[in-house]
Amino acid sequence: MHYVYGTHAADGNLIGRPGLFLNASAPVKPGENIYVLVNGLGTTDVPVVSGALSQTGNLSAPFPVVRIGGIPATVHSAGLLGIGTYMIQLTVPGNAPDGDLLLSATYN
């Protein structure tokens, strides 16, 4: 199985079935705010500097479209967290069913 790498916004614990990360993970609940990490979203409002040790910046609107189990999630923010790594803050759809669901994110 493949899992999204992310954390629960409320406590910072990793997302996943119990025990997936040495008892430091928990499943996501409908309506919960989470952070997920992704790559390949493109340019931000701060130009990327070649060779820089750190990179940051926000993605311009509209934010990425995220679907969980085919249901649109509410995206609150999205930006470059580090070199090649973007973080999306979102709310899991309140009507998402329990269980492992496909998460997809598209941008432009």
PDB file of N, CA and C in Angstrom:
ATOM      1  N   MET A   1       0.828  -1.181   0.000  1.00  0.00           N
ATOM      2  CA  MET A   1       0.000   0.000   0.000  1.00  0.00           C
ATOM      3  C   MET A   1       0.873   1.245   0.000  1.00  0.00           C
ATOM      4  N   HIS A   2       0.373   2.297  -0.596  1.00  0.00           N
ATOM      5  CA  HIS A   2       1.048   3.584  -0.612  1.00  0.00           C
ATOM      6  C   HIS A   2       0.260   4.548   0.250  1.00  0.00           C
ATOM      7  N   TYR A   3       0.983   5.384   0.968  1.00  0.00           N
ATOM      8  CA  TYR A   3       0.333   6.357   1.830  1.00  0.00           C
ATOM      9  C   TYR A   3       0.846   7.751   1.522  1.00  0.00           C
ATOM     10  N   VAL A   4       0.014   8.727   1.766  1.00  0.00           N
ATOM     11  CA  VAL A   4       0.402  10.125   1.665  1.00  0.00           C
ATOM     12  C   VAL A   4       1.284  10.442   2.856  1.00  0.00           C
ATOM     13  N   TYR A   5       2.339  11.226   2.629  1.00  0.00           N
ATOM     14  CA  TYR A   5       3.139  11.684   3.757  1.00  0.00           C
ATOM     15  C   TYR A   5       2.559  13.000   4.227  1.00  0.00           C
ATOM     16  N   GLY A   6       2.076  13.005   5.446  1.00  0.00           N
ATOM     17  CA  GLY A   6       1.475  14.214   5.976  1.00  0.00           C
ATOM     18  C   GLY A   6       1.273  14.100   7.467  1.00  0.00           C
ATOM     19  N   THR A   7       0.733  15.186   8.021  1.00  0.00           N
ATOM     20  CA  THR A   7       0.509  15.228   9.458  1.00  0.00           C
ATOM     21  C   THR A   7      -0.879  15.767   9.778  1.00  0.00           C
ATOM     22  N   HIS A   8      -1.338  15.434  10.958  1.00  0.00           N
ATOM     23  CA  HIS A   8      -2.571  15.999  11.488  1.00  0.00           C
ATOM     24  C   HIS A   8      -2.261  17.421  11.948  1.00  0.00           C
ATOM     25  N   ALA A   9      -3.061  18.394  11.547  1.00  0.00           N
ATOM     26  CA  ALA A   9      -2.814  19.784  11.923  1.00  0.00           C
ATOM     27  C   ALA A   9      -2.923  19.995  13.428  1.00  0.00           C
ATOM     28  N   ALA A  10      -3.804  19.271  14.091  1.00  0.00           N
ATOM     29  CA  ALA A  10      -4.064  19.492  15.514  1.00  0.00           C
ATOM     30  C   ALA A  10      -2.888  19.097  16.402  1.00  0.00           C
ATOM     31  N   ASP A  11      -2.202  17.991  16.063  1.00  0.00           N
ATOM     32  CA  ASP A  11      -1.161  17.507  16.969  1.00  0.00           C
ATOM     33  C   ASP A  11       0.167  17.181  16.287  1.00  0.00           C
ATOM     34  N   GLY A  12       0.229  17.277  14.966  1.00  0.00           N
ATOM     35  CA  GLY A  12       1.480  17.006  14.254  1.00  0.00           C
ATOM     36  C   GLY A  12       1.812  15.539  14.078  1.00  0.00           C
ATOM     37  N   ASN A  13       0.945  14.635  14.558  1.00  0.00           N
ATOM     38  CA  ASN A  13       1.196  13.207  14.366  1.00  0.00           C
ATOM     39  C   ASN A  13       1.096  12.845  12.889  1.00  0.00           C
ATOM     40  N   LEU A  14       1.820  11.807  12.507  1.00  0.00           N
ATOM     41  CA  LEU A  14       1.831  11.366  11.122  1.00  0.00           C
ATOM     42  C   LEU A  14       0.503  10.730  10.741  1.00  0.00           C
ATOM     43  N   ILE A  15       0.170  10.846   9.463  1.00  0.00           N
ATOM     44  CA  ILE A  15      -1.041  10.252   8.912  1.00  0.00           C
ATOM     45  C   ILE A  15      -0.755   8.808   8.532  1.00  0.00           C
ATOM     46  N   GLY A  16      -1.634   7.899   8.921  1.00  0.00           N
ATOM     47  CA  GLY A  16      -1.508   6.499   8.542  1.00  0.00           C
ATOM     48  C   GLY A  16      -2.265   5.610   9.501  1.00  0.00           C
ATOM     49  N   ARG A  17      -2.350   4.359   9.145  1.00  0.00           N
ATOM     50  CA  ARG A  17      -3.030   3.416  10.034  1.00  0.00           C
ATOM     51  C   ARG A  17      -2.242   3.319  11.332  1.00  0.00           C
ATOM     52  N   PRO A  18      -2.896   2.973  12.437  1.00  0.00           N
ATOM     53  CA  PRO A  18      -2.179   2.828  13.703  1.00  0.00           C
ATOM     54  C   PRO A  18      -1.022   1.837  13.575  1.00  0.00           C
ATOM     55  N   GLY A  19       0.153   2.227  14.057  1.00  0.00           N
ATOM     56  CA  GLY A  19       1.318   1.361  13.993  1.00  0.00           C
ATOM     57  C   GLY A  19       2.122   1.469  12.716  1.00  0.00           C
ATOM     58  N   LEU A  20       1.647   2.191  11.709  1.00  0.00           N
ATOM     59  CA  LEU A  20       2.392   2.307  10.451  1.00  0.00           C
ATOM     60  C   LEU A  20       3.759   2.932  10.688  1.00  0.00           C
ATOM     61  N   PHE A  21       3.828   3.933  11.544  1.00  0.00           N
ATOM     62  CA  PHE A  21       5.081   4.601  11.884  1.00  0.00           C
ATOM     63  C   PHE A  21       5.378   4.399  13.365  1.00  0.00           C
ATOM     64  N   LEU A  22       5.655   3.187  13.771  1.00  0.00           N
ATOM     65  CA  LEU A  22       6.037   2.872  15.141  1.00  0.00           C
ATOM     66  C   LEU A  22       5.124   3.520  16.164  1.00  0.00           C
ATOM     67  N   ASN A  23       3.838   3.302  15.999  1.00  0.00           N
ATOM     68  CA  ASN A  23       2.808   3.810  16.906  1.00  0.00           C
ATOM     69  C   ASN A  23       2.745   5.326  16.975  1.00  0.00           C
ATOM     70  N   ALA A  24       3.266   6.010  15.976  1.00  0.00           N
ATOM     71  CA  ALA A  24       3.213   7.479  15.939  1.00  0.00           C
ATOM     72  C   ALA A  24       2.281   7.968  14.844  1.00  0.00           C
ATOM     73  N   SER A  25       1.404   7.099  14.355  1.00  0.00           N
ATOM     74  CA  SER A  25       0.510   7.486  13.268  1.00  0.00           C
ATOM     75  C   SER A  25      -0.935   7.179  13.643  1.00  0.00           C
ATOM     76  N   ALA A  26      -1.830   7.943  12.988  1.00  0.00           N
ATOM     77  CA  ALA A  26      -3.265   7.753  13.209  1.00  0.00           C
ATOM     78  C   ALA A  26      -4.001   8.073  11.924  1.00  0.00           C
ATOM     79  N   PRO A  27      -5.142   7.409  11.678  1.00  0.00           N
ATOM     80  CA  PRO A  27      -5.920   7.701  10.474  1.00  0.00           C
ATOM     81  C   PRO A  27      -6.515   9.106  10.522  1.00  0.00           C
ATOM     82  N   VAL A  28      -6.830   9.604   9.356  1.00  0.00           N
ATOM     83  CA  VAL A  28      -7.472  10.916   9.217  1.00  0.00           C
ATOM     84  C   VAL A  28      -8.978  10.728   9.361  1.00  0.00           C
ATOM     85  N   LYS A  29      -9.624  11.723   9.938  1.00  0.00           N
ATOM     86  CA  LYS A  29     -11.078  11.678  10.111  1.00  0.00           C
ATOM     87  C   LYS A  29     -11.745  12.690   9.170  1.00  0.00           C
ATOM     88  N   PRO A  30     -12.956  12.416   8.709  1.00  0.00           N
ATOM     89  CA  PRO A  30     -13.677  13.404   7.903  1.00  0.00           C
ATOM     90  C   PRO A  30     -13.790  14.735   8.649  1.00  0.00           C
ATOM     91  N   GLY A  31     -13.586  15.828   7.918  1.00  0.00           N
ATOM     92  CA  GLY A  31     -13.667  17.163   8.492  1.00  0.00           C
ATOM     93  C   GLY A  31     -12.407  17.636   9.180  1.00  0.00           C
ATOM     94  N   GLU A  32     -11.389  16.794   9.236  1.00  0.00           N
ATOM     95  CA  GLU A  32     -10.142  17.131   9.927  1.00  0.00           C
ATOM     96  C   GLU A  32      -9.233  17.979   9.042  1.00  0.00           C
ATOM     97  N   ASN A  33      -8.485  18.899   9.664  1.00  0.00           N
ATOM     98  CA  ASN A  33      -7.464  19.676   8.964  1.00  0.00           C
ATOM     99  C   ASN A  33      -6.151  18.904   8.995  1.00  0.00           C
ATOM    100  N   ILE A  34      -5.514  18.811   7.828  1.00  0.00           N
ATOM    101  CA  ILE A  34      -4.245  18.087   7.719  1.00  0.00           C
ATOM    102  C   ILE A  34      -3.287  18.863   6.821  1.00  0.00           C
ATOM    103  N   TYR A  35      -2.023  18.456   6.881  1.00  0.00           N
ATOM    104  CA  TYR A  35      -0.993  18.939   5.974  1.00  0.00           C
ATOM    105  C   TYR A  35      -0.475  17.742   5.193  1.00  0.00           C
ATOM    106  N   VAL A  36      -0.334  17.877   3.875  1.00  0.00           N
ATOM    107  CA  VAL A  36       0.279  16.822   3.069  1.00  0.00           C
ATOM    108  C   VAL A  36       1.456  17.411   2.319  1.00  0.00           C
ATOM    109  N   LEU A  37       2.465  16.587   2.081  1.00  0.00           N
ATOM    110  CA  LEU A  37       3.650  17.006   1.355  1.00  0.00           C
ATOM    111  C   LEU A  37       3.634  16.385  -0.032  1.00  0.00           C
ATOM    112  N   VAL A  38       3.949  17.196  -1.032  1.00  0.00           N
ATOM    113  CA  VAL A  38       3.946  16.757  -2.427  1.00  0.00           C
ATOM    114  C   VAL A  38       5.150  17.372  -3.144  1.00  0.00           C
ATOM    115  N   ASN A  39       5.368  16.969  -4.386  1.00  0.00           N
ATOM    116  CA  ASN A  39       6.410  17.615  -5.188  1.00  0.00           C
ATOM    117  C   ASN A  39       5.872  17.923  -6.573  1.00  0.00           C
ATOM    118  N   GLY A  40       6.604  18.763  -7.305  1.00  0.00           N
ATOM    119  CA  GLY A  40       6.288  19.024  -8.698  1.00  0.00           C
ATOM    120  C   GLY A  40       5.176  20.015  -8.972  1.00  0.00           C
ATOM    121  N   LEU A  41       4.914  20.971  -8.062  1.00  0.00           N
ATOM    122  CA  LEU A  41       3.807  21.900  -8.293  1.00  0.00           C
ATOM    123  C   LEU A  41       4.200  23.155  -9.077  1.00  0.00           C
ATOM    124  N   GLY A  42       5.470  23.460  -9.191  1.00  0.00           N
ATOM    125  CA  GLY A  42       5.870  24.590 -10.032  1.00  0.00           C
ATOM    126  C   GLY A  42       6.335  25.818  -9.270  1.00  0.00           C
ATOM    127  N   THR A  43       6.285  26.961  -9.954  1.00  0.00           N
ATOM    128  CA  THR A  43       6.855  28.195  -9.426  1.00  0.00           C
ATOM    129  C   THR A  43       5.994  28.814  -8.332  1.00  0.00           C
ATOM    130  N   THR A  44       6.647  29.606  -7.488  1.00  0.00           N
ATOM    131  CA  THR A  44       5.981  30.277  -6.377  1.00  0.00           C
ATOM    132  C   THR A  44       6.175  31.786  -6.499  1.00  0.00           C
ATOM    133  N   ASP A  45       5.632  32.520  -5.524  1.00  0.00           N
ATOM    134  CA  ASP A  45       5.758  33.980  -5.540  1.00  0.00           C
ATOM    135  C   ASP A  45       7.165  34.465  -5.203  1.00  0.00           C
ATOM    136  N   VAL A  46       8.030  33.574  -4.728  1.00  0.00           N
ATOM    137  CA  VAL A  46       9.430  33.883  -4.471  1.00  0.00           C
ATOM    138  C   VAL A  46      10.257  33.070  -5.461  1.00  0.00           C
ATOM    139  N   PRO A  47      11.076  33.732  -6.291  1.00  0.00           N
ATOM    140  CA  PRO A  47      11.861  32.988  -7.270  1.00  0.00           C
ATOM    141  C   PRO A  47      12.808  31.982  -6.603  1.00  0.00           C
ATOM    142  N   VAL A  48      12.897  30.801  -7.165  1.00  0.00           N
ATOM    143  CA  VAL A  48      13.820  29.782  -6.679  1.00  0.00           C
ATOM    144  C   VAL A  48      15.228  30.187  -7.084  1.00  0.00           C
ATOM    145  N   VAL A  49      16.150  30.142  -6.134  1.00  0.00           N
ATOM    146  CA  VAL A  49      17.539  30.537  -6.379  1.00  0.00           C
ATOM    147  C   VAL A  49      18.384  29.276  -6.496  1.00  0.00           C
ATOM    148  N   SER A  50      18.996  29.090  -7.661  1.00  0.00           N
ATOM    149  CA  SER A  50      19.823  27.914  -7.894  1.00  0.00           C
ATOM    150  C   SER A  50      20.947  27.846  -6.871  1.00  0.00           C
ATOM    151  N   GLY A  51      21.100  26.676  -6.241  1.00  0.00           N
ATOM    152  CA  GLY A  51      22.174  26.456  -5.280  1.00  0.00           C
ATOM    153  C   GLY A  51      21.848  26.879  -3.860  1.00  0.00           C
ATOM    154  N   ALA A  52      20.708  27.522  -3.632  1.00  0.00           N
ATOM    155  CA  ALA A  52      20.344  27.940  -2.279  1.00  0.00           C
ATOM    156  C   ALA A  52      20.054  26.711  -1.414  1.00  0.00           C
ATOM    157  N   LEU A  53      20.426  26.775  -0.143  1.00  0.00           N
ATOM    158  CA  LEU A  53      20.206  25.652   0.759  1.00  0.00           C
ATOM    159  C   LEU A  53      18.757  25.514   1.191  1.00  0.00           C
ATOM    160  N   SER A  54      18.000  26.604   1.137  1.00  0.00           N
ATOM    161  CA  SER A  54      16.584  26.536   1.486  1.00  0.00           C
ATOM    162  C   SER A  54      15.785  27.324   0.457  1.00  0.00           C
ATOM    163  N   GLN A  55      14.536  26.939   0.301  1.00  0.00           N
ATOM    164  CA  GLN A  55      13.633  27.590  -0.641  1.00  0.00           C
ATOM    165  C   GLN A  55      12.264  27.691   0.022  1.00  0.00           C
ATOM    166  N   THR A  56      11.568  28.796  -0.194  1.00  0.00           N
ATOM    167  CA  THR A  56      10.205  28.934   0.289  1.00  0.00           C
ATOM    168  C   THR A  56       9.412  29.746  -0.722  1.00  0.00           C
ATOM    169  N   GLY A  57       8.135  29.834  -0.534  1.00  0.00           N
ATOM    170  CA  GLY A  57       7.269  30.640  -1.393  1.00  0.00           C
ATOM    171  C   GLY A  57       5.887  30.047  -1.449  1.00  0.00           C
ATOM    172  N   ASN A  58       4.918  30.880  -1.767  1.00  0.00           N
ATOM    173  CA  ASN A  58       3.526  30.446  -1.866  1.00  0.00           C
ATOM    174  C   ASN A  58       3.145  30.225  -3.317  1.00  0.00           C
ATOM    175  N   LEU A  59       2.288  29.252  -3.557  1.00  0.00           N
ATOM    176  CA  LEU A  59       1.731  29.060  -4.891  1.00  0.00           C
ATOM    177  C   LEU A  59       0.674  30.123  -5.118  1.00  0.00           C
ATOM    178  N   SER A  60       0.604  30.616  -6.332  1.00  0.00           N
ATOM    179  CA  SER A  60      -0.413  31.622  -6.636  1.00  0.00           C
ATOM    180  C   SER A  60      -1.770  30.944  -6.819  1.00  0.00           C
ATOM    181  N   ALA A  61      -2.821  31.731  -6.587  1.00  0.00           N
ATOM    182  CA  ALA A  61      -4.187  31.224  -6.750  1.00  0.00           C
ATOM    183  C   ALA A  61      -4.459  30.967  -8.218  1.00  0.00           C
ATOM    184  N   PRO A  62      -5.295  30.019  -8.531  1.00  0.00           N
ATOM    185  CA  PRO A  62      -6.026  29.161  -7.603  1.00  0.00           C
ATOM    186  C   PRO A  62      -5.109  28.082  -7.034  1.00  0.00           C
ATOM    187  N   PHE A  63      -5.398  27.662  -5.798  1.00  0.00           N
ATOM    188  CA  PHE A  63      -4.618  26.616  -5.148  1.00  0.00           C
ATOM    189  C   PHE A  63      -4.805  25.290  -5.875  1.00  0.00           C
ATOM    190  N   PRO A  64      -3.940  24.322  -5.576  1.00  0.00           N
ATOM    191  CA  PRO A  64      -4.125  22.994  -6.166  1.00  0.00           C
ATOM    192  C   PRO A  64      -5.517  22.436  -5.838  1.00  0.00           C
ATOM    193  N   VAL A  65      -6.023  21.631  -6.746  1.00  0.00           N
ATOM    194  CA  VAL A  65      -7.294  20.936  -6.532  1.00  0.00           C
ATOM    195  C   VAL A  65      -6.953  19.585  -5.927  1.00  0.00           C
ATOM    196  N   VAL A  66      -7.466  19.339  -4.736  1.00  0.00           N
ATOM    197  CA  VAL A  66      -7.207  18.075  -4.041  1.00  0.00           C
ATOM    198  C   VAL A  66      -8.526  17.332  -3.898  1.00  0.00           C
ATOM    199  N   ARG A  67      -8.493  16.046  -4.215  1.00  0.00           N
ATOM    200  CA  ARG A  67      -9.660  15.177  -4.054  1.00  0.00           C
ATOM    201  C   ARG A  67      -9.248  13.999  -3.187  1.00  0.00           C
ATOM    202  N   ILE A  68     -10.126  13.655  -2.269  1.00  0.00           N
ATOM    203  CA  ILE A  68      -9.904  12.500  -1.404  1.00  0.00           C
ATOM    204  C   ILE A  68     -11.075  11.561  -1.623  1.00  0.00           C
ATOM    205  N   GLY A  69     -10.774  10.381  -2.140  1.00  0.00           N
ATOM    206  CA  GLY A  69     -11.847   9.447  -2.491  1.00  0.00           C
ATOM    207  C   GLY A  69     -12.753  10.011  -3.567  1.00  0.00           C
ATOM    208  N   GLY A  70     -12.215  10.891  -4.422  1.00  0.00           N
ATOM    209  CA  GLY A  70     -12.987  11.511  -5.489  1.00  0.00           C
ATOM    210  C   GLY A  70     -13.793  12.725  -5.051  1.00  0.00           C
ATOM    211  N   ILE A  71     -13.757  13.051  -3.763  1.00  0.00           N
ATOM    212  CA  ILE A  71     -14.528  14.177  -3.218  1.00  0.00           C
ATOM    213  C   ILE A  71     -13.591  15.372  -3.048  1.00  0.00           C
ATOM    214  N   PRO A  72     -13.964  16.558  -3.533  1.00  0.00           N
ATOM    215  CA  PRO A  72     -13.086  17.724  -3.397  1.00  0.00           C
ATOM    216  C   PRO A  72     -12.851  18.094  -1.932  1.00  0.00           C
ATOM    217  N   ALA A  73     -11.588  18.354  -1.610  1.00  0.00           N
ATOM    218  CA  ALA A  73     -11.210  18.838  -0.284  1.00  0.00           C
ATOM    219  C   ALA A  73     -11.093  20.354  -0.346  1.00  0.00           C
ATOM    220  N   THR A  74     -11.205  21.013   0.791  1.00  0.00           N
ATOM    221  CA  THR A  74     -11.020  22.464   0.863  1.00  0.00           C
ATOM    222  C   THR A  74      -9.549  22.743   1.130  1.00  0.00           C
ATOM    223  N   VAL A  75      -8.890  23.415   0.180  1.00  0.00           N
ATOM    224  CA  VAL A  75      -7.469  23.750   0.324  1.00  0.00           C
ATOM    225  C   VAL A  75      -7.362  25.155   0.901  1.00  0.00           C
ATOM    226  N   HIS A  76      -6.592  25.286   1.987  1.00  0.00           N
ATOM    227  CA  HIS A  76      -6.431  26.571   2.663  1.00  0.00           C
ATOM    228  C   HIS A  76      -5.157  27.289   2.259  1.00  0.00           C
ATOM    229  N   SER A  77      -4.098  26.545   1.989  1.00  0.00           N
ATOM    230  CA  SER A  77      -2.832  27.150   1.581  1.00  0.00           C
ATOM    231  C   SER A  77      -1.970  26.099   0.896  1.00  0.00           C
ATOM    232  N   ALA A  78      -1.014  26.586   0.116  1.00  0.00           N
ATOM    233  CA  ALA A  78      -0.083  25.692  -0.556  1.00  0.00           C
ATOM    234  C   ALA A  78       1.174  26.480  -0.878  1.00  0.00           C
ATOM    235  N   GLY A  79       2.303  25.890  -0.593  1.00  0.00           N
ATOM    236  CA  GLY A  79       3.549  26.585  -0.880  1.00  0.00           C
ATOM    237  C   GLY A  79       4.748  25.675  -0.787  1.00  0.00           C
ATOM    238  N   LEU A  80       5.877  26.233  -1.179  1.00  0.00           N
ATOM    239  CA  LEU A  80       7.148  25.520  -1.168  1.00  0.00           C
ATOM    240  C   LEU A  80       7.674  25.494   0.259  1.00  0.00           C
ATOM    241  N   LEU A  81       7.923  24.310   0.780  1.00  0.00           N
ATOM    242  CA  LEU A  81       8.381  24.131   2.155  1.00  0.00           C
ATOM    243  C   LEU A  81       9.897  24.009   2.207  1.00  0.00           C
ATOM    244  N   GLY A  82      10.455  23.416   1.199  1.00  0.00           N
ATOM    245  CA  GLY A  82      11.894  23.200   1.091  1.00  0.00           C
ATOM    246  C   GLY A  82      12.207  22.855  -0.338  1.00  0.00           C
ATOM    247  N   ILE A  83      13.431  22.550  -0.605  1.00  0.00           N
ATOM    248  CA  ILE A  83      13.852  22.275  -1.975  1.00  0.00           C
ATOM    249  C   ILE A  83      13.030  21.125  -2.549  1.00  0.00           C
ATOM    250  N   GLY A  84      12.180  21.436  -3.537  1.00  0.00           N
ATOM    251  CA  GLY A  84      11.369  20.439  -4.227  1.00  0.00           C
ATOM    252  C   GLY A  84      10.195  19.886  -3.450  1.00  0.00           C
ATOM    253  N   THR A  85       9.940  20.380  -2.244  1.00  0.00           N
ATOM    254  CA  THR A  85       8.865  19.856  -1.408  1.00  0.00           C
ATOM    255  C   THR A  85       7.842  20.943  -1.116  1.00  0.00           C
ATOM    256  N   TYR A  86       6.607  20.663  -1.458  1.00  0.00           N
ATOM    257  CA  TYR A  86       5.507  21.592  -1.237  1.00  0.00           C
ATOM    258  C   TYR A  86       4.608  21.052  -0.131  1.00  0.00           C
ATOM    259  N   MET A  87       3.984  21.959   0.617  1.00  0.00           N
ATOM    260  CA  MET A  87       3.039  21.564   1.647  1.00  0.00           C
ATOM    261  C   MET A  87       1.682  22.159   1.311  1.00  0.00           C
ATOM    262  N   ILE A  88       0.652  21.324   1.379  1.00  0.00           N
ATOM    263  CA  ILE A  88      -0.726  21.760   1.165  1.00  0.00           C
ATOM    264  C   ILE A  88      -1.477  21.579   2.478  1.00  0.00           C
ATOM    265  N   GLN A  89      -2.117  22.655   2.933  1.00  0.00           N
ATOM    266  CA  GLN A  89      -2.979  22.571   4.110  1.00  0.00           C
ATOM    267  C   GLN A  89      -4.407  22.455   3.617  1.00  0.00           C
ATOM    268  N   LEU A  90      -5.132  21.458   4.103  1.00  0.00           N
ATOM    269  CA  LEU A  90      -6.480  21.228   3.609  1.00  0.00           C
ATOM    270  C   LEU A  90      -7.379  20.651   4.685  1.00  0.00           C
ATOM    271  N   THR A  91      -8.670  20.690   4.414  1.00  0.00           N
ATOM    272  CA  THR A  91      -9.664  20.044   5.267  1.00  0.00           C
ATOM    273  C   THR A  91     -10.213  18.846   4.509  1.00  0.00           C
ATOM    274  N   VAL A  92     -10.166  17.688   5.159  1.00  0.00           N
ATOM    275  CA  VAL A  92     -10.706  16.459   4.573  1.00  0.00           C
ATOM    276  C   VAL A  92     -12.214  16.628   4.420  1.00  0.00           C
ATOM    277  N   PRO A  93     -12.780  16.241   3.273  1.00  0.00           N
ATOM    278  CA  PRO A  93     -14.232  16.378   3.096  1.00  0.00           C
ATOM    279  C   PRO A  93     -15.006  15.712   4.234  1.00  0.00           C
ATOM    280  N   GLY A  94     -16.013  16.407   4.733  1.00  0.00           N
ATOM    281  CA  GLY A  94     -16.814  15.883   5.832  1.00  0.00           C
ATOM    282  C   GLY A  94     -17.596  14.635   5.478  1.00  0.00           C
ATOM    283  N   ASN A  95     -17.829  14.423   4.181  1.00  0.00           N
ATOM    284  CA  ASN A  95     -18.592  13.242   3.752  1.00  0.00           C
ATOM    285  C   ASN A  95     -17.697  12.134   3.206  1.00  0.00           C
ATOM    286  N   ALA A  96     -16.393  12.212   3.485  1.00  0.00           N
ATOM    287  CA  ALA A  96     -15.478  11.157   3.039  1.00  0.00           C
ATOM    288  C   ALA A  96     -15.728   9.895   3.867  1.00  0.00           C
ATOM    289  N   PRO A  97     -15.794   8.730   3.214  1.00  0.00           N
ATOM    290  CA  PRO A  97     -16.017   7.495   3.967  1.00  0.00           C
ATOM    291  C   PRO A  97     -14.751   7.065   4.712  1.00  0.00           C
ATOM    292  N   ASP A  98     -14.910   6.182   5.682  1.00  0.00           N
ATOM    293  CA  ASP A  98     -13.768   5.609   6.388  1.00  0.00           C
ATOM    294  C   ASP A  98     -12.989   4.697   5.452  1.00  0.00           C
ATOM    295  N   GLY A  99     -11.720   4.492   5.777  1.00  0.00           N
ATOM    296  CA  GLY A  99     -10.892   3.556   5.024  1.00  0.00           C
ATOM    297  C   GLY A  99      -9.841   4.264   4.203  1.00  0.00           C
ATOM    298  N   ASP A 100      -8.999   3.467   3.552  1.00  0.00           N
ATOM    299  CA  ASP A 100      -7.957   4.009   2.690  1.00  0.00           C
ATOM    300  C   ASP A 100      -8.598   4.563   1.420  1.00  0.00           C
ATOM    301  N   LEU A 101      -8.341   5.840   1.144  1.00  0.00           N
ATOM    302  CA  LEU A 101      -8.917   6.502  -0.018  1.00  0.00           C
ATOM    303  C   LEU A 101      -7.810   7.103  -0.872  1.00  0.00           C
ATOM    304  N   LEU A 102      -8.043   7.160  -2.164  1.00  0.00           N
ATOM    305  CA  LEU A 102      -7.088   7.781  -3.070  1.00  0.00           C
ATOM    306  C   LEU A 102      -7.100   9.282  -2.861  1.00  0.00           C
ATOM    307  N   LEU A 103      -5.912   9.873  -2.754  1.00  0.00           N
ATOM    308  CA  LEU A 103      -5.765  11.334  -2.709  1.00  0.00           C
ATOM    309  C   LEU A 103      -5.082  11.767  -3.990  1.00  0.00           C
ATOM    310  N   SER A 104      -5.675  12.730  -4.681  1.00  0.00           N
ATOM    311  CA  SER A 104      -5.052  13.270  -5.888  1.00  0.00           C
ATOM    312  C   SER A 104      -4.955  14.781  -5.756  1.00  0.00           C
ATOM    313  N   ALA A 105      -3.883  15.350  -6.311  1.00  0.00           N
ATOM    314  CA  ALA A 105      -3.699  16.802  -6.288  1.00  0.00           C
ATOM    315  C   ALA A 105      -3.232  17.242  -7.666  1.00  0.00           C
ATOM    316  N   THR A 106      -3.880  18.245  -8.229  1.00  0.00           N
ATOM    317  CA  THR A 106      -3.477  18.813  -9.506  1.00  0.00           C
ATOM    318  C   THR A 106      -3.355  20.321  -9.371  1.00  0.00           C
ATOM    319  N   TYR A 107      -2.428  20.890 -10.130  1.00  0.00           N
ATOM    320  CA  TYR A 107      -2.197  22.323 -10.070  1.00  0.00           C
ATOM    321  C   TYR A 107      -1.913  22.812 -11.488  1.00  0.00           C
ATOM    322  N   ASN A 108      -2.714  23.767 -11.940  1.00  0.00           N
ATOM    323  CA  ASN A 108      -2.569  24.312 -13.300  1.00  0.00           C
ATOM    324  C   ASN A 108      -2.550  23.206 -14.335  1.00  0.00           C
TER     325      ASN A 108
END
